[in-house]
C-alpha atoms as a PDB file:
ATOM      1  CA  MET A   1       5.667 125.311  -4.162  1.00  0.00           C
ATOM      2  CA  THR A   2       5.704 123.041  -1.123  1.00  0.00           C
ATOM      3  CA  ALA A   3       8.757 123.457   1.077  1.00  0.00           C
ATOM      4  CA  PRO A   4      10.928 120.343   1.497  1.00  0.00           C
ATOM      5  CA  PRO A   5      10.310 118.474   4.757  1.00  0.00           C
ATOM      6  CA  ASP A   6      12.642 119.102   7.651  1.00  0.00           C
ATOM      7  CA  PRO A   7      15.166 116.343   8.373  1.00  0.00           C
ATOM      8  CA  PRO A   8      14.337 114.109  11.333  1.00  0.00           C
ATOM      9  CA  ALA A   9      14.961 115.727  14.708  1.00  0.00           C
ATOM     10  CA  ILE A  10      17.896 114.733  16.912  1.00  0.00           C
ATOM     11  CA  ALA A  11      16.701 112.076  19.343  1.00  0.00           C
ATOM     12  CA  ALA A  12      19.431 112.890  21.884  1.00  0.00           C
ATOM     13  CA  PRO A  13      22.638 114.953  21.797  1.00  0.00           C
ATOM     14  CA  PRO A  14      25.840 112.938  21.234  1.00  0.00           C
ATOM     15  CA  ASP A  15      27.615 111.772  24.381  1.00  0.00           C
ATOM     16  CA  SER A  16      30.914 111.019  22.646  1.00  0.00           C
ATOM     17  CA  LEU A  17      33.335 112.743  20.313  1.00  0.00           C
ATOM     18  CA  ASP A  18      32.666 110.213  17.559  1.00  0.00           C
ATOM     19  CA  GLY A  19      28.949 110.903  17.863  1.00  0.00           C
ATOM     20  CA  LEU A  20      29.540 114.655  17.746  1.00  0.00           C
ATOM     21  CA  ARG A  21      31.667 114.309  14.613  1.00  0.00           C
ATOM     22  CA  ALA A  22      29.002 112.171  12.961  1.00  0.00           C
ATOM     23  CA  LEU A  23      26.355 114.761  13.846  1.00  0.00           C
ATOM     24  CA  ALA A  24      28.515 117.568  12.428  1.00  0.00           C
ATOM     25  CA  LEU A  25      28.822 115.697   9.130  1.00  0.00           C
ATOM     26  CA  GLY A  26      25.071 115.118   9.082  1.00  0.00           C
ATOM     27  CA  ILE A  27      24.438 118.835   9.645  1.00  0.00           C
ATOM     28  CA  ALA A  28      26.847 119.787   6.858  1.00  0.00           C
ATOM     29  CA  ARG A  29      24.993 117.465   4.479  1.00  0.00           C
ATOM     30  CA  GLY A  30      21.549 118.637   5.574  1.00  0.00           C
ATOM     31  CA  GLU A  31      20.681 115.196   6.932  1.00  0.00           C
ATOM     32  CA  ALA A  32      20.437 116.028  10.642  1.00  0.00           C
ATOM     33  CA  GLY A  33      17.519 117.557  12.517  1.00  0.00           C
ATOM     34  CA  VAL A  34      19.194 120.935  12.942  1.00  0.00           C
ATOM     35  CA  ARG A  35      20.365 123.740  10.707  1.00  0.00           C
ATOM     36  CA  LEU A  36      23.244 125.991  11.713  1.00  0.00           C
ATOM     37  CA  GLY A  37      24.255 129.381  10.395  1.00  0.00           C
ATOM     38  CA  ALA A  38      27.581 129.788   8.650  1.00  0.00           C
ATOM     39  CA  LYS A  39      29.308 131.173  11.769  1.00  0.00           C
ATOM     40  CA  ALA A  40      27.983 128.432  14.069  1.00  0.00           C
ATOM     41  CA  GLY A  41      28.830 125.710  11.557  1.00  0.00           C
ATOM     42  CA  ALA A  42      32.383 126.990  11.227  1.00  0.00           C
ATOM     43  CA  ALA A  43      32.695 127.181  15.024  1.00  0.00           C
ATOM     44  CA  LEU A  44      31.556 123.553  15.386  1.00  0.00           C
ATOM     45  CA  ALA A  45      34.059 122.358  12.791  1.00  0.00           C
ATOM     46  CA  ARG A  46      36.891 124.162  14.581  1.00  0.00           C
ATOM     47  CA  LEU A  47      35.753 122.892  17.982  1.00  0.00           C
ATOM     48  CA  LEU A  48      36.201 119.312  16.806  1.00  0.00           C
ATOM     49  CA  ASP A  49      39.822 120.116  15.970  1.00  0.00           C
ATOM     50  CA  MET A  50      40.441 121.597  19.437  1.00  0.00           C
ATOM     51  CA  VAL A  51      39.783 118.458  21.461  1.00  0.00           C
ATOM     52  CA  GLY A  52      42.031 118.576  24.532  1.00  0.00           C
ATOM     53  CA  ASP A  53      42.908 122.258  24.092  1.00  0.00           C
ATOM     54  CA  PRO A  54      42.976 124.166  27.419  1.00  0.00           C
ATOM     55  CA  ALA A  55      40.903 126.957  25.801  1.00  0.00           C
ATOM     56  CA  LEU A  56      37.902 124.607  26.099  1.00  0.00           C
ATOM     57  CA  LEU A  57      37.953 125.126  29.862  1.00  0.00           C
ATOM     58  CA  SER A  58      36.502 128.619  29.541  1.00  0.00           C
ATOM     59  CA  ILE A  59      33.666 129.729  27.276  1.00  0.00           C
ATOM     60  CA  THR A  60      35.189 133.217  27.241  1.00  0.00           C
ATOM     61  CA  SER A  61      38.637 132.003  26.176  1.00  0.00           C
ATOM     62  CA  LEU A  62      37.110 129.648  23.650  1.00  0.00           C
ATOM     63  CA  ALA A  63      34.932 132.352  22.111  1.00  0.00           C
ATOM     64  CA  ALA A  64      37.973 134.619  21.806  1.00  0.00           C
ATOM     65  CA  ARG A  65      39.921 131.840  20.077  1.00  0.00           C
ATOM     66  CA  LEU A  66      37.069 131.195  17.650  1.00  0.00           C
ATOM     67  CA  GLU A  67      36.408 134.934  17.183  1.00  0.00           C
ATOM     68  CA  VAL A  68      32.730 134.642  18.109  1.00  0.00           C
ATOM     69  CA  HIS A  69      30.588 135.936  20.991  1.00  0.00           C
ATOM     70  CA  PRO A  70      30.138 133.512  23.931  1.00  0.00           C
ATOM     71  CA  SER A  71      26.397 133.556  23.251  1.00  0.00           C
ATOM     72  CA  THR A  72      27.109 131.984  19.860  1.00  0.00           C
ATOM     73  CA  LEU A  73      28.598 128.954  21.615  1.00  0.00           C
ATOM     74  CA  THR A  74      25.643 128.739  23.982  1.00  0.00           C
ATOM     75  CA  ARG A  75      23.187 128.817  21.069  1.00  0.00           C
ATOM     76  CA  LEU A  76      25.290 126.250  19.219  1.00  0.00           C
ATOM     77  CA  ALA A  77      25.127 123.876  22.186  1.00  0.00           C
ATOM     78  CA  THR A  78      21.342 124.186  22.518  1.00  0.00           C
ATOM     79  CA  SER A  79      20.902 123.773  18.745  1.00  0.00           C
ATOM     80  CA  LEU A  80      22.758 120.459  19.026  1.00  0.00           C
ATOM     81  CA  GLY A  81      20.337 119.302  21.721  1.00  0.00           C
ATOM     82  CA  TYR A  82      22.420 119.998  24.836  1.00  0.00           C
ATOM     83  CA  ALA A  83      20.961 121.756  27.886  1.00  0.00           C
ATOM     84  CA  GLY A  84      23.664 124.390  27.576  1.00  0.00           C
ATOM     85  CA  PHE A  85      27.329 124.927  26.774  1.00  0.00           C
ATOM     86  CA  PRO A  86      28.625 123.006  29.852  1.00  0.00           C
ATOM     87  CA  ALA A  87      27.084 119.783  28.502  1.00  0.00           C
ATOM     88  CA  LEU A  88      28.782 120.254  25.122  1.00  0.00           C
ATOM     89  CA  GLN A  89      31.972 121.248  26.924  1.00  0.00           C
ATOM     90  CA  HIS A  90      31.893 117.962  28.866  1.00  0.00           C
ATOM     91  CA  VAL A  91      31.928 115.961  25.623  1.00  0.00           C
ATOM     92  CA  LEU A  92      34.752 118.041  24.170  1.00  0.00           C
ATOM     93  CA  LEU A  93      36.799 117.648  27.363  1.00  0.00           C
ATOM     94  CA  SER A  94      36.270 113.904  27.546  1.00  0.00           C
ATOM     95  CA  ALA A  95      39.732 113.443  26.027  1.00  0.00           C
ATOM     96  CA  SER A  96      42.979 114.427  27.684  1.00  0.00           C
ATOM     97  CA  LEU A  97      43.389 118.125  28.402  1.00  0.00           C
ATOM     98  CA  THR A  98      46.651 117.980  26.492  1.00  0.00           C
ATOM     99  CA  ALA A  99      46.118 117.541  22.779  1.00  0.00           C
ATOM    100  CA  PRO A 100      48.263 114.868  21.069  1.00  0.00           C
ATOM    101  CA  GLY A 101      51.625 116.335  20.182  1.00  0.00           C
ATOM    102  CA  ALA A 102      50.932 119.667  21.907  1.00  0.00           C
ATOM    103  CA  PHE A 103      54.049 119.310  24.060  1.00  0.00           C
ATOM    104  CA  TYR A 104      56.292 119.238  21.002  1.00  0.00           C
ATOM    105  CA  SER A 105      54.583 122.237  19.418  1.00  0.00           C
ATOM    106  CA  ARG A 106      54.982 124.226  22.640  1.00  0.00           C
ATOM    107  CA  GLN A 107      58.651 123.284  22.795  1.00  0.00           C
ATOM    108  CA  ALA A 108      59.213 124.321  19.202  1.00  0.00           C
ATOM    109  CA  ARG A 109      57.433 127.650  19.735  1.00  0.00           C
ATOM    110  CA  ALA A 110      59.539 128.300  22.816  1.00  0.00           C
ATOM    111  CA  ALA A 111      62.679 127.630  20.817  1.00  0.00           C
ATOM    112  CA  LEU A 112      61.583 130.034  18.103  1.00  0.00           C
ATOM    113  CA  ASP A 113      60.942 132.839  20.602  1.00  0.00           C
ATOM    114  CA  GLY A 114      64.674 133.188  21.080  1.00  0.00           C
ATOM    115  CA  ASP A 115      66.124 131.361  18.100  1.00  0.00           C
ATOM    116  CA  SER A 116      65.128 131.707  14.466  1.00  0.00           C
ATOM    117  CA  SER A 117      67.719 129.249  13.211  1.00  0.00           C
ATOM    118  CA  PRO A 118      66.872 126.847  10.361  1.00  0.00           C
ATOM    119  CA  ARG A 119      66.975 123.933  12.812  1.00  0.00           C
ATOM    120  CA  ALA A 120      64.455 125.563  15.148  1.00  0.00           C
ATOM    121  CA  ARG A 121      62.076 126.337  12.288  1.00  0.00           C
ATOM    122  CA  ALA A 122      62.446 122.793  10.957  1.00  0.00           C
ATOM    123  CA  ALA A 123      61.796 121.395  14.436  1.00  0.00           C
ATOM    124  CA  GLN A 124      58.613 123.429  14.752  1.00  0.00           C
ATOM    125  CA  LEU A 125      57.254 122.258  11.402  1.00  0.00           C
ATOM    126  CA  CYS A 126      58.140 118.607  12.075  1.00  0.00           C
ATOM    127  CA  HIS A 127      56.529 118.610  15.515  1.00  0.00           C
ATOM    128  CA  GLU A 128      53.425 120.340  14.181  1.00  0.00           C
ATOM    129  CA  ASN A 129      53.057 117.613  11.574  1.00  0.00           C
ATOM    130  CA  GLN A 130      53.557 114.995  14.269  1.00  0.00           C
ATOM    131  CA  ALA A 131      50.712 116.607  16.225  1.00  0.00           C
ATOM    132  CA  LEU A 132      48.453 116.497  13.150  1.00  0.00           C
ATOM    133  CA  ILE A 133      49.219 112.814  12.610  1.00  0.00           C
ATOM    134  CA  ASP A 134      48.521 112.097  16.286  1.00  0.00           C
ATOM    135  CA  ARG A 135      45.205 113.940  16.023  1.00  0.00           C
ATOM    136  CA  PHE A 136      44.298 111.985  12.888  1.00  0.00           C
ATOM    137  CA  ILE A 137      44.788 108.589  14.512  1.00  0.00           C
ATOM    138  CA  GLU A 138      43.167 109.631  17.798  1.00  0.00           C
ATOM    139  CA  SER A 139      39.989 110.682  15.976  1.00  0.00           C
ATOM    140  CA  LEU A 140      39.955 107.818  13.446  1.00  0.00           C
ATOM    141  CA  ASP A 141      36.687 105.865  13.392  1.00  0.00           C
ATOM    142  CA  GLU A 142      37.840 102.302  12.669  1.00  0.00           C
ATOM    143  CA  ALA A 143      34.533 101.036  11.316  1.00  0.00           C
ATOM    144  CA  ARG A 144      34.132 103.981   8.934  1.00  0.00           C
ATOM    145  CA  PHE A 145      37.765 103.686   7.832  1.00  0.00           C
ATOM    146  CA  GLU A 146      37.327  99.993   6.995  1.00  0.00           C
ATOM    147  CA  ALA A 147      34.125 100.850   5.137  1.00  0.00           C
ATOM    148  CA  MET A 148      36.061 103.373   3.021  1.00  0.00           C
ATOM    149  CA  ALA A 149      38.653 100.747   2.118  1.00  0.00           C
ATOM    150  CA  ALA A 150      35.926  98.261   1.202  1.00  0.00           C
ATOM    151  CA  MET A 151      34.218 100.955  -0.877  1.00  0.00           C
ATOM    152  CA  ILE A 152      37.423 101.555  -2.851  1.00  0.00           C
ATOM    153  CA  MET A 153      38.175  97.882  -3.409  1.00  0.00           C
ATOM    154  CA  ALA A 154      34.601  97.083  -4.474  1.00  0.00           C
ATOM    155  CA  ALA A 155      34.435  99.808  -7.126  1.00  0.00           C
ATOM    156  CA  PRO A 156      35.172  98.522 -10.651  1.00  0.00           C
ATOM    157  CA  ARG A 157      36.792 101.854 -11.590  1.00  0.00           C
ATOM    158  CA  VAL A 158      38.310 104.587  -9.407  1.00  0.00           C
ATOM    159  CA  LEU A 159      39.217 108.151 -10.340  1.00  0.00           C
ATOM    160  CA  VAL A 160      41.160 110.425  -7.967  1.00  0.00           C
ATOM    161  CA  HIS A 161      40.940 114.206  -8.268  1.00  0.00           C
ATOM    162  CA  GLY A 162      43.191 116.798  -6.698  1.00  0.00           C
ATOM    163  CA  ILE A 163      44.853 119.937  -8.048  1.00  0.00           C
ATOM    164  CA  ARG A 164      47.632 122.267  -6.920  1.00  0.00           C
ATOM    165  CA  GLN A 165      49.236 120.785  -3.771  1.00  0.00           C
ATOM    166  CA  PHE A 166      46.664 118.027  -3.658  1.00  0.00           C
ATOM    167  CA  HIS A 167      47.695 116.833  -7.103  1.00  0.00           C
ATOM    168  CA  ALA A 168      50.653 115.278  -5.271  1.00  0.00           C
ATOM    169  CA  VAL A 169      48.340 113.572  -2.746  1.00  0.00           C
ATOM    170  CA  ALA A 170      46.067 112.326  -5.541  1.00  0.00           C
ATOM    171  CA  SER A 171      49.005 111.013  -7.573  1.00  0.00           C
ATOM    172  CA  PHE A 172      50.411 109.182  -4.567  1.00  0.00           C
ATOM    173  CA  LEU A 173      47.041 107.576  -3.829  1.00  0.00           C
ATOM    174  CA  VAL A 174      46.751 106.416  -7.442  1.00  0.00           C
ATOM    175  CA  TYR A 175      50.271 104.961  -7.350  1.00  0.00           C
ATOM    176  CA  GLY A 176      49.617 103.074  -4.127  1.00  0.00           C
ATOM    177  CA  LEU A 177      46.237 101.691  -5.183  1.00  0.00           C
ATOM    178  CA  ARG A 178      47.626 100.562  -8.552  1.00  0.00           C
ATOM    179  CA  MET A 179      50.038  98.341  -6.664  1.00  0.00           C
ATOM    180  CA  ILE A 180      47.119  96.230  -5.428  1.00  0.00           C
ATOM    181  CA  ARG A 181      44.310  96.683  -7.989  1.00  0.00           C
ATOM    182  CA  ARG A 182      43.592  97.786 -11.563  1.00  0.00           C
ATOM    183  CA  ASP A 183      41.414 100.553 -13.007  1.00  0.00           C
ATOM    184  CA  VAL A 184      42.645 103.435 -10.848  1.00  0.00           C
ATOM    185  CA  ALA A 185      43.572 106.734 -12.489  1.00  0.00           C
ATOM    186  CA  LEU A 186      43.916 110.472 -11.994  1.00  0.00           C
ATOM    187  CA  LEU A 187      40.921 112.422 -13.239  1.00  0.00           C
ATOM    188  CA  ASP A 188      41.884 114.214 -16.469  1.00  0.00           C
ATOM    189  CA  ALA A 189      45.434 112.861 -16.385  1.00  0.00           C
ATOM    190  CA  ASP A 190      45.283 112.559 -20.176  1.00  0.00           C
ATOM    191  CA  GLY A 191      43.948 116.091 -20.625  1.00  0.00           C
ATOM    192  CA  LEU A 192      40.688 115.034 -22.283  1.00  0.00           C
ATOM    193  CA  GLY A 193      38.526 116.924 -19.785  1.00  0.00           C
ATOM    194  CA  MET A 194      36.513 116.450 -16.597  1.00  0.00           C
ATOM    195  CA  ALA A 195      33.268 115.517 -18.338  1.00  0.00           C
ATOM    196  CA  GLU A 196      34.948 112.770 -20.326  1.00  0.00           C
ATOM    197  CA  GLY A 197      36.630 111.421 -17.204  1.00  0.00           C
ATOM    198  CA  LEU A 198      33.403 111.252 -15.205  1.00  0.00           C
ATOM    199  CA  ALA A 199      31.623 109.613 -18.130  1.00  0.00           C
ATOM    200  CA  MET A 200      34.284 106.902 -18.233  1.00  0.00           C
ATOM    201  CA  LEU A 201      33.478 105.960 -14.631  1.00  0.00           C
ATOM    202  CA  GLY A 202      30.137 104.531 -15.727  1.00  0.00           C
ATOM    203  CA  GLU A 203      27.384 103.950 -13.186  1.00  0.00           C
ATOM    204  CA  ASP A 204      29.383 101.980 -10.605  1.00  0.00           C
ATOM    205  CA  GLY A 205      32.620 103.943 -10.470  1.00  0.00           C
ATOM    206  CA  LEU A 206      34.058 105.832  -7.502  1.00  0.00           C
ATOM    207  CA  LEU A 207      35.408 109.371  -7.418  1.00  0.00           C
ATOM    208  CA  ILE A 208      37.894 110.244  -4.657  1.00  0.00           C
ATOM    209  CA  SER A 209      38.363 114.014  -4.239  1.00  0.00           C
ATOM    210  CA  ALA A 210      41.028 115.755  -2.155  1.00  0.00           C
ATOM    211  CA  SER A 211      41.173 119.391  -1.048  1.00  0.00           C
ATOM    212  CA  CYS A 212      41.390 121.547   2.070  1.00  0.00           C
ATOM    213  CA  ALA A 213      40.751 125.214   2.893  1.00  0.00           C
ATOM    214  CA  PRO A 214      40.907 127.329   0.820  1.00  0.00           C
ATOM    215  CA  TYR A 215      39.072 124.725  -1.237  1.00  0.00           C
ATOM    216  CA  SER A 216      39.725 124.294  -4.950  1.00  0.00           C
ATOM    217  CA  ALA A 217      36.510 125.350  -6.703  1.00  0.00           C
ATOM    218  CA  GLN A 218      37.076 122.914  -9.560  1.00  0.00           C
ATOM    219  CA  VAL A 219      37.471 119.920  -7.251  1.00  0.00           C
ATOM    220  CA  VAL A 220      34.349 120.881  -5.283  1.00  0.00           C
ATOM    221  CA  ALA A 221      32.278 121.379  -8.463  1.00  0.00           C
ATOM    222  CA  VAL A 222      33.352 118.065  -9.993  1.00  0.00           C
ATOM    223  CA  ALA A 223      32.589 116.176  -6.776  1.00  0.00           C
ATOM    224  CA  ALA A 224      29.129 117.760  -6.579  1.00  0.00           C
ATOM    225  CA  GLU A 225      28.434 116.819 -10.193  1.00  0.00           C
ATOM    226  CA  ALA A 226      29.534 113.243  -9.528  1.00  0.00           C
ATOM    227  CA  ARG A 227      27.009 113.005  -6.677  1.00  0.00           C
ATOM    228  CA  ARG A 228      24.275 114.477  -8.887  1.00  0.00           C
ATOM    229  CA  ARG A 229      25.018 111.708 -11.395  1.00  0.00           C
ATOM    230  CA  GLY A 230      24.585 109.131  -8.644  1.00  0.00           C
ATOM    231  CA  LEU A 231      28.259 108.128  -8.529  1.00  0.00           C
ATOM    232  CA  ALA A 232      29.914 106.905  -5.340  1.00  0.00           C
ATOM    233  CA  THR A 233      32.107 109.642  -3.851  1.00  0.00           C
ATOM    234  CA  LEU A 234      34.780 109.750  -1.154  1.00  0.00           C
ATOM    235  CA  ALA A 235      36.295 112.995   0.145  1.00  0.00           C
ATOM    236  CA  ILE A 236      39.704 113.533   1.723  1.00  0.00           C
ATOM    237  CA  THR A 237      39.429 116.941   3.367  1.00  0.00           C
ATOM    238  CA  ASP A 238      39.902 118.901   6.590  1.00  0.00           C
ATOM    239  CA  HIS A 239      36.604 119.792   8.321  1.00  0.00           C
ATOM    240  CA  THR A 240      33.114 118.404   8.754  1.00  0.00           C
ATOM    241  CA  ASN A 241      31.639 121.539   7.171  1.00  0.00           C
ATOM    242  CA  ALA A 242      34.012 121.489   4.174  1.00  0.00           C
ATOM    243  CA  PRO A 243      32.274 121.645   0.765  1.00  0.00           C
ATOM    244  CA  LEU A 244      33.623 118.216  -0.178  1.00  0.00           C
ATOM    245  CA  ALA A 245      32.256 116.686   3.029  1.00  0.00           C
ATOM    246  CA  GLN A 246      28.791 117.957   2.185  1.00  0.00           C
ATOM    247  CA  SER A 247      28.672 116.151  -1.156  1.00  0.00           C
ATOM    248  CA  ALA A 248      30.500 112.902  -0.330  1.00  0.00           C
ATOM    249  CA  GLN A 249      29.203 109.537   0.812  1.00  0.00           C
ATOM    250  CA  ALA A 250      32.322 108.913   2.881  1.00  0.00           C
ATOM    251  CA  VAL A 251      34.756 111.431   4.376  1.00  0.00           C
ATOM    252  CA  LEU A 252      38.332 111.097   5.644  1.00  0.00           C
ATOM    253  CA  LEU A 253      39.253 114.096   7.817  1.00  0.00           C
ATOM    254  CA  VAL A 254      42.879 115.241   8.134  1.00  0.00           C
ATOM    255  CA  GLY A 255      44.406 118.415   9.605  1.00  0.00           C
ATOM    256  CA  HIS A 256      46.794 120.775   7.804  1.00  0.00           C
ATOM    257  CA  GLU A 257      47.398 123.773  10.125  1.00  0.00           C
ATOM    258  CA  THR A 258      51.148 124.259  10.567  1.00  0.00           C
ATOM    259  CA  SER A 259      53.778 126.987  10.179  1.00  0.00           C
ATOM    260  CA  PHE A 260      54.417 125.838   6.593  1.00  0.00           C
ATOM    261  CA  LEU A 261      54.043 128.767   4.192  1.00  0.00           C
ATOM    262  CA  SER A 262      50.981 127.096   2.619  1.00  0.00           C
ATOM    263  CA  ASN A 263      48.641 124.240   3.568  1.00  0.00           C
ATOM    264  CA  SER A 264      50.704 121.337   4.845  1.00  0.00           C
ATOM    265  CA  ILE A 265      50.075 117.973   3.166  1.00  0.00           C
ATOM    266  CA  GLY A 266      52.355 115.933   5.447  1.00  0.00           C
ATOM    267  CA  ALA A 267      49.514 114.434   7.503  1.00  0.00           C
ATOM    268  CA  PHE A 268      47.471 113.925   4.325  1.00  0.00           C
ATOM    269  CA  VAL A 269      50.246 111.792   2.836  1.00  0.00           C
ATOM    270  CA  VAL A 270      50.433 109.675   6.000  1.00  0.00           C
ATOM    271  CA  ALA A 271      46.636 109.302   6.034  1.00  0.00           C
ATOM    272  CA  THR A 272      46.797 108.229   2.384  1.00  0.00           C
ATOM    273  CA  GLU A 273      49.394 105.581   3.247  1.00  0.00           C
ATOM    274  CA  CYS A 274      47.036 104.304   5.961  1.00  0.00           C
ATOM    275  CA  LEU A 275      44.172 104.171   3.466  1.00  0.00           C
ATOM    276  CA  ILE A 276      46.239 102.243   0.900  1.00  0.00           C
ATOM    277  CA  ASN A 277      47.266  99.718   3.567  1.00  0.00           C
ATOM    278  CA  ALA A 278      43.636  99.374   4.663  1.00  0.00           C
ATOM    279  CA  CYS A 279      42.621  98.668   1.067  1.00  0.00           C
ATOM    280  CA  ALA A 280      45.257  95.943   0.836  1.00  0.00           C
ATOM    281  CA  ALA A 281      44.078  94.452   4.139  1.00  0.00           C
ATOM    282  CA  ALA A 282      40.479  94.437   2.867  1.00  0.00           C
ATOM    283  CA  ARG A 283      41.456  91.850   0.220  1.00  0.00           C
ATOM    284  CA  PRO A 284      44.772  90.405   1.437  1.00  0.00           C
ATOM    285  CA  GLU A 285      45.111  87.482  -0.964  1.00  0.00           C
ATOM    286  CA  ALA A 286      44.380  89.627  -4.015  1.00  0.00           C
ATOM    287  CA  ALA A 287      46.794  92.281  -2.726  1.00  0.00           C
ATOM    288  CA  ARG A 288      49.576  89.735  -2.208  1.00  0.00           C
ATOM    289  CA  ALA A 289      49.089  88.343  -5.708  1.00  0.00           C
ATOM    290  CA  ALA A 290      49.132  91.825  -7.226  1.00  0.00           C
ATOM    291  CA  LEU A 291      52.302  92.763  -5.323  1.00  0.00           C
ATOM    292  CA  ARG A 292      54.039  89.549  -6.405  1.00  0.00           C
ATOM    293  CA  ASP A 293      53.127  90.294 -10.009  1.00  0.00           C
ATOM    294  CA  ARG A 294      54.417  93.862  -9.642  1.00  0.00           C
ATOM    295  CA  GLU A 295      57.726  92.620  -8.211  1.00  0.00           C
ATOM    296  CA  ALA A 296      58.116  90.164 -11.087  1.00  0.00           C
ATOM    297  CA  LEU A 297      57.525  92.928 -13.659  1.00  0.00           C
ATOM    298  CA  ILE A 298      60.008  95.227 -11.930  1.00  0.00           C
ATOM    299  CA  ALA A 299      62.644  92.474 -11.989  1.00  0.00           C
ATOM    300  CA  ARG A 300      62.080  91.571 -15.674  1.00  0.00           C
ATOM    301  CA  LEU A 301      62.162  95.203 -16.792  1.00  0.00           C
ATOM    302  CA  GLY A 302      65.243  96.013 -14.733  1.00  0.00           C
ATOM    303  CA  VAL A 303      63.524  98.978 -13.092  1.00  0.00           C
ATOM    304  CA  GLU A 304      65.572  98.797  -9.886  1.00  0.00           C
ATOM    305  CA  THR A 305      69.329  98.495  -9.347  1.00  0.00           C
ATOM    306  CA  GLY A 306      71.488  97.859  -6.324  1.00  0.00           C
END
């Protein structure tokens, strides 16, 4: 059997954070001219979430943070086309040395060192979520984000899939999109099964999947099957090397690392609000008409009081 051809080689290493993120996604999908081992791929994904972190100033400190040997970072840099780690380091340090929101997280941690009161714990969690939201908007690629909104609004049918905590995110996205367009639903909301739901999408439908580490196996498997069927897919997930990112045509990346006892979905909800607004802005007249119709129905049915 003839081995599949290698993907095209990297013409030049990225000189910007956006370029590095795009390359990381390409590597995860097998579309870039480089293949990374599991450890190097995980290190790259985490590096992109550490932009502005002081640990980036030292390869030794960085390797300790990532729990890898410094030589792993050197090999990673050369695999990406850089002359060595300093060149990759320069790109990663191109942003401010203080990550968005880091001040608040440091203040909250300092408060917790000597005070375990409910207010201090709440302050820490709130400031951590603020930092995640800041990171999301700082790393947002406007052109890709607008393309996602256009993708959603152009699809004749949209299914959204998320389970466990991400069932809440999926439900919220469905609610928001239904305010401005029809034919949006939760996958398997009626309990008929995943296969039946995907079949109902037809050939031109769109599947939006949401999950973060540890990834829901069912959500990953359904998204992969949708891509095998040739359906349009959009992933809302956490890292460039996430399983959902590898099988999706478009990816919205959001962080979730906080002191919450499980994965935090606060930043995911805010990112979903941004996506719903972007969808409305993609077709403003249609969105206004749909919202006026919704308001009229609410008034006639007496849904709201006061």
